[in-house]
Amino acid sequence: MTTTPDRNRVQLPGISSRAYEHPADRSALVALRKLSGFDTVLKQMSGLVSERRLRLMYLASAVRVSETQFRPLYDMGRDAAYTLDLHRIPEIYVQQDPQVQAKAIGFDDPFIVVTTGLLNLMNEEEQRFVIGHETSHILSGHAVYRTMLDILTRLATRVAWIPLGYIGLRAIVAGLEEWYRKSELSSDRGGLLTGQDPEAAKRALMKLAGGDYTHEMNIEAFLEQYQEYDTAGDLRDGFLKVLNLLGTTHPFAVVRVAELDKWQRSGEYDRIIGGDYPRREDDANARVTDEMKAAAESYRASWQQSQDPFIGVLRDVAEGAVNAGERIFNRFSRRDGGQG
């Protein structure tokens, strides 16, 4: 692999993560950003020591990417930070693991971990998409989702013997899982904006389903799979799809490819690359109520487009997540002095 980018990419000065975030994800993040001190509470609950411990663990057991180690990845990390206008380049670690994984870890000093399984599966442009995806997680501050999920999941386990308490917590966890899945769609968009190669981005996601057999796969045929999945067969299939989502934090590969393709075709990608996007300097002016309305509208649009006969159940789950989130964040916002 080459050690320098094979082509120039458009830099996006001052880009706000709101530019690429899915409306349901963006509404929650805007609300969280309005709650001064909320991130501090989460850090205390999750334990900053654990973040430092994890970094030390990877420093001791993995390979830190640099100009002399995994140089292509080092260049990708540098380019991702440059494209998304981050002031700090996140460290990247390569971990020996046959599983195909990548993750962004940490609040204050976030870093990225990729496995050798992922490097073996994906070519350079696909890896660039993955690094951009993880860098987008960092720009958005998605670590808050993982922390909240971890805390509440552990709490739900401890109170499982209390029926009503457990049911209530599981409902909140289900809402957080829904937000987390949308955050993955957000970072897929961020990864595309970073790599600026739509076909490579879709290939990378398609490989999560079919492995390193792109010569046997076809994006258009894969998108047809999504249409079949979306329409389902009858109410039983729709119900089974809901069951399959329980406990998951990532959308299925066919959904991710279809959603990224839809976002690109909508013109949003070209508009942002052309320089028309919200800036970080205006993040403080974003209104929670406006973003919640945008999230609800996004769900309504997807329900109208879907032909799934069980969509009513999905609608109730998703709408419940949005409404619950709005009530929770409005309550905190009132304590904090207003939504902004």
C-alpha atoms as a PDB file:
ATOM      1  CA  MET A   1       0.000   0.000   0.000  1.00  0.00           C
ATOM      2  CA  THR A   2       1.094   3.559  -0.619  1.00  0.00           C
ATOM      3  CA  THR A   3       2.105   5.811   2.253  1.00  0.00           C
ATOM      4  CA  THR A   4       0.448   8.947   0.916  1.00  0.00           C
ATOM      5  CA  PRO A   5      -3.075   9.683  -0.293  1.00  0.00           C
ATOM      6  CA  ASP A   6      -3.543   8.888  -3.968  1.00  0.00           C
ATOM      7  CA  ARG A   7      -5.680  11.971  -4.541  1.00  0.00           C
ATOM      8  CA  ASN A   8      -6.677  15.235  -2.937  1.00  0.00           C
ATOM      9  CA  ARG A   9      -9.822  15.365  -0.827  1.00  0.00           C
ATOM     10  CA  VAL A  10     -11.994  18.334  -0.038  1.00  0.00           C
ATOM     11  CA  GLN A  11     -11.417  19.740   3.444  1.00  0.00           C
ATOM     12  CA  LEU A  12     -14.521  20.756   5.397  1.00  0.00           C
ATOM     13  CA  PRO A  13     -13.383  23.668   7.610  1.00  0.00           C
ATOM     14  CA  GLY A  14     -15.301  24.076  10.852  1.00  0.00           C
ATOM     15  CA  ILE A  15     -17.853  21.403   9.910  1.00  0.00           C
ATOM     16  CA  SER A  16     -20.348  20.614  12.635  1.00  0.00           C
ATOM     17  CA  SER A  17     -21.224  16.993  13.254  1.00  0.00           C
ATOM     18  CA  ARG A  18     -24.829  18.114  12.737  1.00  0.00           C
ATOM     19  CA  ALA A  19     -24.037  18.126   9.012  1.00  0.00           C
ATOM     20  CA  TYR A  20     -23.955  14.340   8.777  1.00  0.00           C
ATOM     21  CA  GLU A  21     -25.867  13.128  11.829  1.00  0.00           C
ATOM     22  CA  HIS A  22     -29.096  11.224  11.360  1.00  0.00           C
ATOM     23  CA  PRO A  23     -31.980  13.389  12.665  1.00  0.00           C
ATOM     24  CA  ALA A  24     -32.782  10.966  15.499  1.00  0.00           C
ATOM     25  CA  ASP A  25     -29.142  10.910  16.553  1.00  0.00           C
ATOM     26  CA  ARG A  26     -28.710  14.667  16.137  1.00  0.00           C
ATOM     27  CA  SER A  27     -31.747  15.495  18.268  1.00  0.00           C
ATOM     28  CA  ALA A  28     -30.358  13.551  21.218  1.00  0.00           C
ATOM     29  CA  LEU A  29     -26.877  15.019  20.849  1.00  0.00           C
ATOM     30  CA  VAL A  30     -28.129  18.599  20.604  1.00  0.00           C
ATOM     31  CA  ALA A  31     -30.138  18.013  23.773  1.00  0.00           C
ATOM     32  CA  LEU A  32     -27.144  16.519  25.574  1.00  0.00           C
ATOM     33  CA  ARG A  33     -24.957  19.459  24.606  1.00  0.00           C
ATOM     34  CA  LYS A  34     -27.481  21.793  26.251  1.00  0.00           C
ATOM     35  CA  LEU A  35     -27.083  20.033  29.584  1.00  0.00           C
ATOM     36  CA  SER A  36     -24.011  21.595  31.115  1.00  0.00           C
ATOM     37  CA  GLY A  37     -22.302  19.170  33.457  1.00  0.00           C
ATOM     38  CA  PHE A  38     -24.094  16.114  32.060  1.00  0.00           C
ATOM     39  CA  ASP A  39     -20.928  14.779  30.434  1.00  0.00           C
ATOM     40  CA  THR A  40     -19.069  15.318  33.718  1.00  0.00           C
ATOM     41  CA  VAL A  41     -21.627  13.203  35.579  1.00  0.00           C
ATOM     42  CA  LEU A  42     -21.297  10.429  32.996  1.00  0.00           C
ATOM     43  CA  LYS A  43     -17.527  10.510  33.233  1.00  0.00           C
ATOM     44  CA  GLN A  44     -17.728  10.141  36.989  1.00  0.00           C
ATOM     45  CA  MET A  45     -20.218   7.280  36.711  1.00  0.00           C
ATOM     46  CA  SER A  46     -18.208   5.403  34.075  1.00  0.00           C
ATOM     47  CA  GLY A  47     -14.906   6.149  35.752  1.00  0.00           C
ATOM     48  CA  LEU A  48     -12.119   8.077  34.092  1.00  0.00           C
ATOM     49  CA  VAL A  49      -9.747   5.472  35.491  1.00  0.00           C
ATOM     50  CA  SER A  50     -11.271   2.867  33.153  1.00  0.00           C
ATOM     51  CA  GLU A  51     -10.515   5.060  30.133  1.00  0.00           C
ATOM     52  CA  ARG A  52      -6.911   5.500  31.231  1.00  0.00           C
ATOM     53  CA  ARG A  53      -6.703   1.792  32.005  1.00  0.00           C
ATOM     54  CA  LEU A  54      -7.922   0.883  28.511  1.00  0.00           C
ATOM     55  CA  ARG A  55      -5.413   3.186  26.861  1.00  0.00           C
ATOM     56  CA  LEU A  56      -2.594   1.657  28.914  1.00  0.00           C
ATOM     57  CA  MET A  57      -3.821  -1.808  28.000  1.00  0.00           C
ATOM     58  CA  TYR A  58      -3.716  -1.072  24.266  1.00  0.00           C
ATOM     59  CA  LEU A  59      -0.394   0.708  24.661  1.00  0.00           C
ATOM     60  CA  ALA A  60       0.979  -2.509  26.151  1.00  0.00           C
ATOM     61  CA  SER A  61      -0.783  -5.143  24.034  1.00  0.00           C
ATOM     62  CA  ALA A  62      -1.437  -3.555  20.615  1.00  0.00           C
ATOM     63  CA  VAL A  63       0.593  -1.610  18.052  1.00  0.00           C
ATOM     64  CA  ARG A  64       0.292   2.180  18.062  1.00  0.00           C
ATOM     65  CA  VAL A  65       0.124   3.559  14.543  1.00  0.00           C
ATOM     66  CA  SER A  66       2.815   6.099  13.685  1.00  0.00           C
ATOM     67  CA  GLU A  67       5.064   7.280  10.894  1.00  0.00           C
ATOM     68  CA  THR A  68       7.109   4.124  11.382  1.00  0.00           C
ATOM     69  CA  GLN A  69       4.346   1.616  12.229  1.00  0.00           C
ATOM     70  CA  PHE A  70       1.361   0.995   9.942  1.00  0.00           C
ATOM     71  CA  ARG A  71       2.196   4.197   8.086  1.00  0.00           C
ATOM     72  CA  PRO A  72      -0.824   4.002   5.709  1.00  0.00           C
ATOM     73  CA  LEU A  73      -3.195   3.975   8.701  1.00  0.00           C
ATOM     74  CA  TYR A  74      -1.278   6.867  10.228  1.00  0.00           C
ATOM     75  CA  ASP A  75      -1.830   8.866   7.033  1.00  0.00           C
ATOM     76  CA  MET A  76      -5.515   7.968   7.015  1.00  0.00           C
ATOM     77  CA  GLY A  77      -5.942   9.162  10.589  1.00  0.00           C
ATOM     78  CA  ARG A  78      -4.129  12.394   9.806  1.00  0.00           C
ATOM     79  CA  ASP A  79      -6.221  12.934   6.674  1.00  0.00           C
ATOM     80  CA  ALA A  80      -9.488  12.195   8.501  1.00  0.00           C
ATOM     81  CA  ALA A  81      -8.666  14.777  11.172  1.00  0.00           C
ATOM     82  CA  TYR A  82      -7.695  17.272   8.463  1.00  0.00           C
ATOM     83  CA  THR A  83     -10.862  16.706   6.420  1.00  0.00           C
ATOM     84  CA  LEU A  84     -13.181  17.021   9.427  1.00  0.00           C
ATOM     85  CA  ASP A  85     -11.086  19.883  10.822  1.00  0.00           C
ATOM     86  CA  LEU A  86     -10.249  18.264  14.156  1.00  0.00           C
ATOM     87  CA  HIS A  87      -7.640  20.098  16.202  1.00  0.00           C
ATOM     88  CA  ARG A  88      -6.150  16.837  17.451  1.00  0.00           C
ATOM     89  CA  ILE A  89      -5.357  13.656  15.531  1.00  0.00           C
ATOM     90  CA  PRO A  90      -6.718  10.658  17.482  1.00  0.00           C
ATOM     91  CA  GLU A  91      -4.255   7.870  18.159  1.00  0.00           C
ATOM     92  CA  ILE A  92      -4.888   4.598  16.315  1.00  0.00           C
ATOM     93  CA  TYR A  93      -4.013   1.144  17.646  1.00  0.00           C
ATOM     94  CA  VAL A  94      -3.909  -2.117  15.705  1.00  0.00           C
ATOM     95  CA  GLN A  95      -4.985  -5.156  17.716  1.00  0.00           C
ATOM     96  CA  GLN A  96      -4.318  -8.766  16.758  1.00  0.00           C
ATOM     97  CA  ASP A  97      -7.813 -10.197  16.438  1.00  0.00           C
ATOM     98  CA  PRO A  98      -9.368 -12.173  13.557  1.00  0.00           C
ATOM     99  CA  GLN A  99     -12.737 -10.521  14.171  1.00  0.00           C
ATOM    100  CA  VAL A 100     -13.556  -7.578  11.921  1.00  0.00           C
ATOM    101  CA  GLN A 101     -13.902  -4.660  14.333  1.00  0.00           C
ATOM    102  CA  ALA A 102     -13.110  -0.994  14.787  1.00  0.00           C
ATOM    103  CA  LYS A 103     -14.073   1.274  17.662  1.00  0.00           C
ATOM    104  CA  ALA A 104     -13.529   4.730  19.098  1.00  0.00           C
ATOM    105  CA  ILE A 105     -12.884   4.824  22.846  1.00  0.00           C
ATOM    106  CA  GLY A 106     -12.873   7.643  25.379  1.00  0.00           C
ATOM    107  CA  PHE A 107     -14.268  11.037  26.377  1.00  0.00           C
ATOM    108  CA  ASP A 108     -11.337  13.359  26.988  1.00  0.00           C
ATOM    109  CA  ASP A 109      -8.576  11.757  24.929  1.00  0.00           C
ATOM    110  CA  PRO A 110     -10.384   9.444  22.495  1.00  0.00           C
ATOM    111  CA  PHE A 111      -8.492   6.944  20.389  1.00  0.00           C
ATOM    112  CA  ILE A 112      -9.315   4.398  17.687  1.00  0.00           C
ATOM    113  CA  VAL A 113      -8.726   0.639  17.694  1.00  0.00           C
ATOM    114  CA  VAL A 114      -8.852  -1.511  14.558  1.00  0.00           C
ATOM    115  CA  THR A 115      -8.298  -5.244  14.367  1.00  0.00           C
ATOM    116  CA  THR A 116      -6.030  -7.170  12.041  1.00  0.00           C
ATOM    117  CA  GLY A 117      -9.159  -8.965  10.856  1.00  0.00           C
ATOM    118  CA  LEU A 118     -10.466  -5.677   9.486  1.00  0.00           C
ATOM    119  CA  LEU A 119      -7.154  -4.806   7.846  1.00  0.00           C
ATOM    120  CA  ASN A 120      -7.040  -8.224   6.183  1.00  0.00           C
ATOM    121  CA  LEU A 121     -10.588  -7.843   4.883  1.00  0.00           C
ATOM    122  CA  MET A 122     -10.546  -4.301   3.515  1.00  0.00           C
ATOM    123  CA  ASN A 123      -8.402  -2.495   0.981  1.00  0.00           C
ATOM    124  CA  GLU A 124      -6.921   0.949   1.572  1.00  0.00           C
ATOM    125  CA  GLU A 125      -9.914   3.014   0.429  1.00  0.00           C
ATOM    126  CA  GLU A 126     -12.288   0.856   2.478  1.00  0.00           C
ATOM    127  CA  GLN A 127     -10.026   1.229   5.506  1.00  0.00           C
ATOM    128  CA  ARG A 128     -10.068   4.978   4.948  1.00  0.00           C
ATOM    129  CA  PHE A 129     -13.864   4.896   5.195  1.00  0.00           C
ATOM    130  CA  VAL A 130     -13.634   2.961   8.481  1.00  0.00           C
ATOM    131  CA  ILE A 131     -11.131   5.412   9.982  1.00  0.00           C
ATOM    132  CA  GLY A 132     -13.394   8.269   8.882  1.00  0.00           C
ATOM    133  CA  HIS A 133     -16.369   6.488  10.450  1.00  0.00           C
ATOM    134  CA  GLU A 134     -14.588   6.215  13.809  1.00  0.00           C
ATOM    135  CA  THR A 135     -13.285   9.789  13.601  1.00  0.00           C
ATOM    136  CA  SER A 136     -16.881  10.929  13.042  1.00  0.00           C
ATOM    137  CA  HIS A 137     -17.897   9.099  16.228  1.00  0.00           C
ATOM    138  CA  ILE A 138     -15.270  11.173  18.038  1.00  0.00           C
ATOM    139  CA  LEU A 139     -16.396  14.477  16.499  1.00  0.00           C
ATOM    140  CA  SER A 140     -20.007  13.738  17.445  1.00  0.00           C
ATOM    141  CA  GLY A 141     -19.121  12.626  20.972  1.00  0.00           C
ATOM    142  CA  HIS A 142     -20.920   9.317  20.608  1.00  0.00           C
ATOM    143  CA  ALA A 143     -19.035   7.835  23.568  1.00  0.00           C
ATOM    144  CA  VAL A 144     -21.899   9.178  25.665  1.00  0.00           C
ATOM    145  CA  TYR A 145     -24.256   6.577  24.156  1.00  0.00           C
ATOM    146  CA  ARG A 146     -21.972   3.687  24.957  1.00  0.00           C
ATOM    147  CA  THR A 147     -21.483   4.926  28.504  1.00  0.00           C
ATOM    148  CA  MET A 148     -25.194   5.417  29.131  1.00  0.00           C
ATOM    149  CA  LEU A 149     -25.963   1.983  27.672  1.00  0.00           C
ATOM    150  CA  ASP A 150     -23.304   0.284  29.781  1.00  0.00           C
ATOM    151  CA  ILE A 151     -24.481   1.964  32.976  1.00  0.00           C
ATOM    152  CA  LEU A 152     -28.178   1.290  32.406  1.00  0.00           C
ATOM    153  CA  THR A 153     -27.643  -2.278  31.191  1.00  0.00           C
ATOM    154  CA  ARG A 154     -25.700  -3.092  34.358  1.00  0.00           C
ATOM    155  CA  LEU A 155     -28.404  -1.406  36.435  1.00  0.00           C
ATOM    156  CA  ALA A 156     -31.160  -3.344  34.656  1.00  0.00           C
ATOM    157  CA  THR A 157     -29.366  -6.600  35.488  1.00  0.00           C
ATOM    158  CA  ARG A 158     -29.179  -5.677  39.166  1.00  0.00           C
ATOM    159  CA  VAL A 159     -32.909  -4.846  39.432  1.00  0.00           C
ATOM    160  CA  ALA A 160     -34.132  -7.704  37.236  1.00  0.00           C
ATOM    161  CA  TRP A 161     -35.932  -9.150  40.253  1.00  0.00           C
ATOM    162  CA  ILE A 162     -38.153  -6.038  40.433  1.00  0.00           C
ATOM    163  CA  PRO A 163     -40.627  -6.503  37.528  1.00  0.00           C
ATOM    164  CA  LEU A 164     -41.767  -2.918  37.030  1.00  0.00           C
ATOM    165  CA  GLY A 165     -38.305  -1.453  37.596  1.00  0.00           C
ATOM    166  CA  TYR A 166     -36.744  -3.857  35.129  1.00  0.00           C
ATOM    167  CA  ILE A 167     -39.408  -3.240  32.474  1.00  0.00           C
ATOM    168  CA  GLY A 168     -38.963   0.512  32.808  1.00  0.00           C
ATOM    169  CA  LEU A 169     -35.183   0.300  32.497  1.00  0.00           C
ATOM    170  CA  ARG A 170     -35.409  -2.079  29.537  1.00  0.00           C
ATOM    171  CA  ALA A 171     -37.646   0.440  27.769  1.00  0.00           C
ATOM    172  CA  ILE A 172     -35.020   3.149  28.282  1.00  0.00           C
ATOM    173  CA  VAL A 173     -32.251   0.800  27.149  1.00  0.00           C
ATOM    174  CA  ALA A 174     -34.268  -0.036  24.020  1.00  0.00           C
ATOM    175  CA  GLY A 175     -34.545   3.674  23.274  1.00  0.00           C
ATOM    176  CA  LEU A 176     -30.797   4.139  23.745  1.00  0.00           C
ATOM    177  CA  GLU A 177     -30.106   1.175  21.473  1.00  0.00           C
ATOM    178  CA  GLU A 178     -32.279   2.790  18.827  1.00  0.00           C
ATOM    179  CA  TRP A 179     -30.314   6.046  19.153  1.00  0.00           C
ATOM    180  CA  TYR A 180     -27.062   4.109  19.016  1.00  0.00           C
ATOM    181  CA  ARG A 181     -28.074   2.397  15.792  1.00  0.00           C
ATOM    182  CA  LYS A 182     -28.847   5.792  14.309  1.00  0.00           C
ATOM    183  CA  SER A 183     -25.440   7.049  15.484  1.00  0.00           C
ATOM    184  CA  GLU A 184     -23.861   4.303  13.372  1.00  0.00           C
ATOM    185  CA  LEU A 185     -25.765   5.578  10.328  1.00  0.00           C
ATOM    186  CA  SER A 186     -24.476   9.071  11.178  1.00  0.00           C
ATOM    187  CA  SER A 187     -20.876   7.899  11.282  1.00  0.00           C
ATOM    188  CA  ASP A 188     -21.300   5.992   8.020  1.00  0.00           C
ATOM    189  CA  ARG A 189     -22.120   9.360   6.470  1.00  0.00           C
ATOM    190  CA  GLY A 190     -19.134  10.928   8.222  1.00  0.00           C
ATOM    191  CA  GLY A 191     -16.931   8.142   6.897  1.00  0.00           C
ATOM    192  CA  LEU A 192     -18.133   8.851   3.369  1.00  0.00           C
ATOM    193  CA  LEU A 193     -17.428  12.570   3.799  1.00  0.00           C
ATOM    194  CA  THR A 194     -13.928  11.699   4.986  1.00  0.00           C
ATOM    195  CA  GLY A 195     -12.984   9.143   2.331  1.00  0.00           C
ATOM    196  CA  GLN A 196     -15.050  10.798  -0.420  1.00  0.00           C
ATOM    197  CA  ASP A 197     -15.333   7.502  -2.311  1.00  0.00           C
ATOM    198  CA  PRO A 198     -18.999   6.342  -2.291  1.00  0.00           C
ATOM    199  CA  GLU A 199     -18.300   2.973  -3.910  1.00  0.00           C
ATOM    200  CA  ALA A 200     -15.527   2.146  -1.423  1.00  0.00           C
ATOM    201  CA  ALA A 201     -17.815   3.073   1.488  1.00  0.00           C
ATOM    202  CA  LYS A 202     -20.582   0.779   0.255  1.00  0.00           C
ATOM    203  CA  ARG A 203     -18.106  -2.022  -0.450  1.00  0.00           C
ATOM    204  CA  ALA A 204     -16.733  -1.768   3.084  1.00  0.00           C
ATOM    205  CA  LEU A 205     -20.218  -2.160   4.552  1.00  0.00           C
ATOM    206  CA  MET A 206     -21.111  -4.933   2.123  1.00  0.00           C
ATOM    207  CA  LYS A 207     -17.986  -6.848   3.164  1.00  0.00           C
ATOM    208  CA  LEU A 208     -19.363  -6.947   6.711  1.00  0.00           C
ATOM    209  CA  ALA A 209     -22.009  -9.274   5.294  1.00  0.00           C
ATOM    210  CA  GLY A 210     -20.180 -11.230   2.597  1.00  0.00           C
ATOM    211  CA  GLY A 211     -16.491 -11.007   3.444  1.00  0.00           C
ATOM    212  CA  ASP A 212     -13.697 -10.538   0.937  1.00  0.00           C
ATOM    213  CA  TYR A 213     -15.662 -11.737  -2.060  1.00  0.00           C
ATOM    214  CA  THR A 214     -16.488  -8.483  -3.806  1.00  0.00           C
ATOM    215  CA  HIS A 215     -15.938 -10.230  -7.153  1.00  0.00           C
ATOM    216  CA  GLU A 216     -18.965 -12.344  -6.228  1.00  0.00           C
ATOM    217  CA  MET A 217     -21.089  -9.435  -4.950  1.00  0.00           C
ATOM    218  CA  ASN A 218     -22.947  -6.581  -6.589  1.00  0.00           C
ATOM    219  CA  ILE A 219     -24.089  -3.401  -4.857  1.00  0.00           C
ATOM    220  CA  GLU A 220     -27.302  -3.104  -6.879  1.00  0.00           C
ATOM    221  CA  ALA A 221     -28.214  -6.711  -6.087  1.00  0.00           C
ATOM    222  CA  PHE A 222     -27.408  -6.074  -2.421  1.00  0.00           C
ATOM    223  CA  LEU A 223     -29.735  -3.063  -2.460  1.00  0.00           C
ATOM    224  CA  GLU A 224     -32.445  -5.312  -3.888  1.00  0.00           C
ATOM    225  CA  GLN A 225     -31.962  -7.505  -0.829  1.00  0.00           C
ATOM    226  CA  TYR A 226     -32.805  -4.469   1.288  1.00  0.00           C
ATOM    227  CA  GLN A 227     -36.037  -3.950  -0.647  1.00  0.00           C
ATOM    228  CA  GLU A 228     -37.010  -7.548   0.053  1.00  0.00           C
ATOM    229  CA  TYR A 229     -36.050  -7.178   3.712  1.00  0.00           C
ATOM    230  CA  ASP A 230     -37.994  -3.923   4.011  1.00  0.00           C
ATOM    231  CA  THR A 231     -41.201  -5.264   2.487  1.00  0.00           C
ATOM    232  CA  ALA A 232     -41.054  -8.451   4.610  1.00  0.00           C
ATOM    233  CA  GLY A 233     -43.640 -11.164   3.952  1.00  0.00           C
ATOM    234  CA  ASP A 234     -46.413 -10.749   6.482  1.00  0.00           C
ATOM    235  CA  LEU A 235     -46.961  -9.641  10.075  1.00  0.00           C
ATOM    236  CA  ARG A 236     -44.900 -12.557  11.358  1.00  0.00           C
ATOM    237  CA  ASP A 237     -41.823 -11.456   9.412  1.00  0.00           C
ATOM    238  CA  GLY A 238     -42.229  -7.884  10.633  1.00  0.00           C
ATOM    239  CA  PHE A 239     -42.467  -9.082  14.223  1.00  0.00           C
ATOM    240  CA  LEU A 240     -39.361 -11.232  13.795  1.00  0.00           C
ATOM    241  CA  LYS A 241     -37.446  -8.209  12.487  1.00  0.00           C
ATOM    242  CA  VAL A 242     -38.296  -6.355  15.679  1.00  0.00           C
ATOM    243  CA  LEU A 243     -37.091  -9.311  17.759  1.00  0.00           C
ATOM    244  CA  ASN A 244     -33.859  -9.429  15.756  1.00  0.00           C
ATOM    245  CA  LEU A 245     -33.128  -5.812  16.700  1.00  0.00           C
ATOM    246  CA  LEU A 246     -33.436  -6.354  20.447  1.00  0.00           C
ATOM    247  CA  GLY A 247     -30.075  -6.008  22.147  1.00  0.00           C
ATOM    248  CA  THR A 248     -28.319  -4.718  19.010  1.00  0.00           C
ATOM    249  CA  THR A 249     -26.376  -1.464  18.726  1.00  0.00           C
ATOM    250  CA  HIS A 250     -25.541  -1.658  15.007  1.00  0.00           C
ATOM    251  CA  PRO A 251     -27.943  -1.749  12.056  1.00  0.00           C
ATOM    252  CA  PHE A 252     -27.667  -4.767   9.786  1.00  0.00           C
ATOM    253  CA  ALA A 253     -25.248  -4.460   6.861  1.00  0.00           C
ATOM    254  CA  VAL A 254     -27.951  -4.396   4.195  1.00  0.00           C
ATOM    255  CA  VAL A 255     -29.693  -1.532   6.017  1.00  0.00           C
ATOM    256  CA  ARG A 256     -26.450   0.443   6.363  1.00  0.00           C
ATOM    257  CA  VAL A 257     -25.654   0.168   2.658  1.00  0.00           C
ATOM    258  CA  ALA A 258     -29.204   1.159   1.694  1.00  0.00           C
ATOM    259  CA  GLU A 259     -29.282   4.124   4.101  1.00  0.00           C
ATOM    260  CA  LEU A 260     -25.892   5.413   2.948  1.00  0.00           C
ATOM    261  CA  ASP A 261     -26.907   5.031  -0.700  1.00  0.00           C
ATOM    262  CA  LYS A 262     -30.163   6.873  -0.017  1.00  0.00           C
ATOM    263  CA  TRP A 263     -28.341   9.716   1.755  1.00  0.00           C
ATOM    264  CA  GLN A 264     -25.871  10.091  -1.080  1.00  0.00           C
ATOM    265  CA  ARG A 265     -28.606  10.067  -3.731  1.00  0.00           C
ATOM    266  CA  SER A 266     -30.570  12.688  -1.790  1.00  0.00           C
ATOM    267  CA  GLY A 267     -27.926  15.272  -2.717  1.00  0.00           C
ATOM    268  CA  GLU A 268     -26.811  15.890   0.878  1.00  0.00           C
ATOM    269  CA  TYR A 269     -23.358  14.468   0.257  1.00  0.00           C
ATOM    270  CA  ASP A 270     -22.691  16.686  -2.779  1.00  0.00           C
ATOM    271  CA  ARG A 271     -24.094  19.718  -0.967  1.00  0.00           C
ATOM    272  CA  ILE A 272     -21.718  19.265   1.978  1.00  0.00           C
ATOM    273  CA  ILE A 273     -18.711  18.580  -0.253  1.00  0.00           C
ATOM    274  CA  GLY A 274     -19.639  21.790  -2.069  1.00  0.00           C
ATOM    275  CA  GLY A 275     -19.246  23.741   1.194  1.00  0.00           C
ATOM    276  CA  ASP A 276     -22.893  24.107   2.227  1.00  0.00           C
ATOM    277  CA  TYR A 277     -23.047  22.722   5.770  1.00  0.00           C
ATOM    278  CA  PRO A 278     -23.594  23.874   9.388  1.00  0.00           C
ATOM    279  CA  ARG A 279     -20.513  25.113  11.261  1.00  0.00           C
ATOM    280  CA  ARG A 280     -19.380  24.225  14.766  1.00  0.00           C
ATOM    281  CA  GLU A 281     -19.466  27.874  15.750  1.00  0.00           C
ATOM    282  CA  ASP A 282     -23.258  27.773  15.407  1.00  0.00           C
ATOM    283  CA  ASP A 283     -23.825  24.610  17.463  1.00  0.00           C
ATOM    284  CA  ALA A 284     -24.860  26.634  20.511  1.00  0.00           C
ATOM    285  CA  ASN A 285     -27.755  28.101  18.527  1.00  0.00           C
ATOM    286  CA  ALA A 286     -29.253  24.715  17.605  1.00  0.00           C
ATOM    287  CA  ARG A 287     -32.650  24.245  19.266  1.00  0.00           C
ATOM    288  CA  VAL A 288     -33.656  20.977  20.892  1.00  0.00           C
ATOM    289  CA  THR A 289     -37.306  21.363  19.910  1.00  0.00           C
ATOM    290  CA  ASP A 290     -36.412  21.897  16.251  1.00  0.00           C
ATOM    291  CA  GLU A 291     -34.187  18.832  16.230  1.00  0.00           C
ATOM    292  CA  MET A 292     -36.825  16.686  17.939  1.00  0.00           C
ATOM    293  CA  LYS A 293     -39.329  17.727  15.265  1.00  0.00           C
ATOM    294  CA  ALA A 294     -36.793  16.848  12.564  1.00  0.00           C
ATOM    295  CA  ALA A 295     -36.270  13.425  14.172  1.00  0.00           C
ATOM    296  CA  ALA A 296     -40.017  12.763  14.293  1.00  0.00           C
ATOM    297  CA  GLU A 297     -40.371  13.857  10.677  1.00  0.00           C
ATOM    298  CA  SER A 298     -37.520  11.546   9.670  1.00  0.00           C
ATOM    299  CA  TYR A 299     -39.250   8.596  11.291  1.00  0.00           C
ATOM    300  CA  ARG A 300     -42.576   9.495   9.685  1.00  0.00           C
ATOM    301  CA  ALA A 301     -40.933   9.704   6.262  1.00  0.00           C
ATOM    302  CA  SER A 302     -39.303   6.292   6.691  1.00  0.00           C
ATOM    303  CA  TRP A 303     -42.619   4.785   7.811  1.00  0.00           C
ATOM    304  CA  GLN A 304     -44.391   6.184   4.779  1.00  0.00           C
ATOM    305  CA  GLN A 305     -41.718   4.796   2.452  1.00  0.00           C
ATOM    306  CA  SER A 306     -41.626   1.373   4.097  1.00  0.00           C
ATOM    307  CA  GLN A 307     -43.921  -1.405   2.895  1.00  0.00           C
ATOM    308  CA  ASP A 308     -43.421  -3.511   6.005  1.00  0.00           C
ATOM    309  CA  PRO A 309     -46.863  -4.710   7.204  1.00  0.00           C
ATOM    310  CA  PHE A 310     -45.623  -4.621  10.794  1.00  0.00           C
ATOM    311  CA  ILE A 311     -44.470  -1.015  10.568  1.00  0.00           C
ATOM    312  CA  GLY A 312     -46.958   0.052  13.212  1.00  0.00           C
ATOM    313  CA  VAL A 313     -44.958  -1.732  15.890  1.00  0.00           C
ATOM    314  CA  LEU A 314     -41.702  -0.243  14.660  1.00  0.00           C
ATOM    315  CA  ARG A 315     -43.360   3.154  14.604  1.00  0.00           C
ATOM    316  CA  ASP A 316     -44.481   2.853  18.214  1.00  0.00           C
ATOM    317  CA  VAL A 317     -41.002   1.778  19.389  1.00  0.00           C
ATOM    318  CA  ALA A 318     -39.202   4.542  17.515  1.00  0.00           C
ATOM    319  CA  GLU A 319     -41.738   7.223  18.348  1.00  0.00           C
ATOM    320  CA  GLY A 320     -41.638   6.171  21.978  1.00  0.00           C
ATOM    321  CA  ALA A 321     -37.867   6.575  21.982  1.00  0.00           C
ATOM    322  CA  VAL A 322     -38.127  10.085  20.562  1.00  0.00           C
ATOM    323  CA  ASN A 323     -40.910  11.139  22.945  1.00  0.00           C
ATOM    324  CA  ALA A 324     -39.169   9.649  25.987  1.00  0.00           C
ATOM    325  CA  GLY A 325     -35.950  11.368  25.033  1.00  0.00           C
ATOM    326  CA  GLU A 326     -37.689  14.688  24.614  1.00  0.00           C
ATOM    327  CA  ARG A 327     -39.289  14.429  28.069  1.00  0.00           C
ATOM    328  CA  ILE A 328     -36.015  13.441  29.743  1.00  0.00           C
ATOM    329  CA  PHE A 329     -33.918  16.145  28.108  1.00  0.00           C
ATOM    330  CA  ASN A 330     -36.593  18.831  28.558  1.00  0.00           C
ATOM    331  CA  ARG A 331     -36.663  18.025  32.262  1.00  0.00           C
ATOM    332  CA  PHE A 332     -32.883  18.382  32.534  1.00  0.00           C
ATOM    333  CA  SER A 333     -32.957  21.506  30.373  1.00  0.00           C
ATOM    334  CA  ARG A 334     -35.472  23.214  32.623  1.00  0.00           C
ATOM    335  CA  ARG A 335     -33.197  22.552  35.576  1.00  0.00           C
ATOM    336  CA  ASP A 336     -30.290  23.900  33.587  1.00  0.00           C
ATOM    337  CA  GLY A 337     -32.088  27.130  32.712  1.00  0.00           C
ATOM    338  CA  GLY A 338     -33.643  26.520  29.306  1.00  0.00           C
ATOM    339  CA  GLN A 339     -33.224  24.660  26.026  1.00  0.00           C
ATOM    340  CA  GLY A 340     -31.530  27.372  23.995  1.00  0.00           C
END
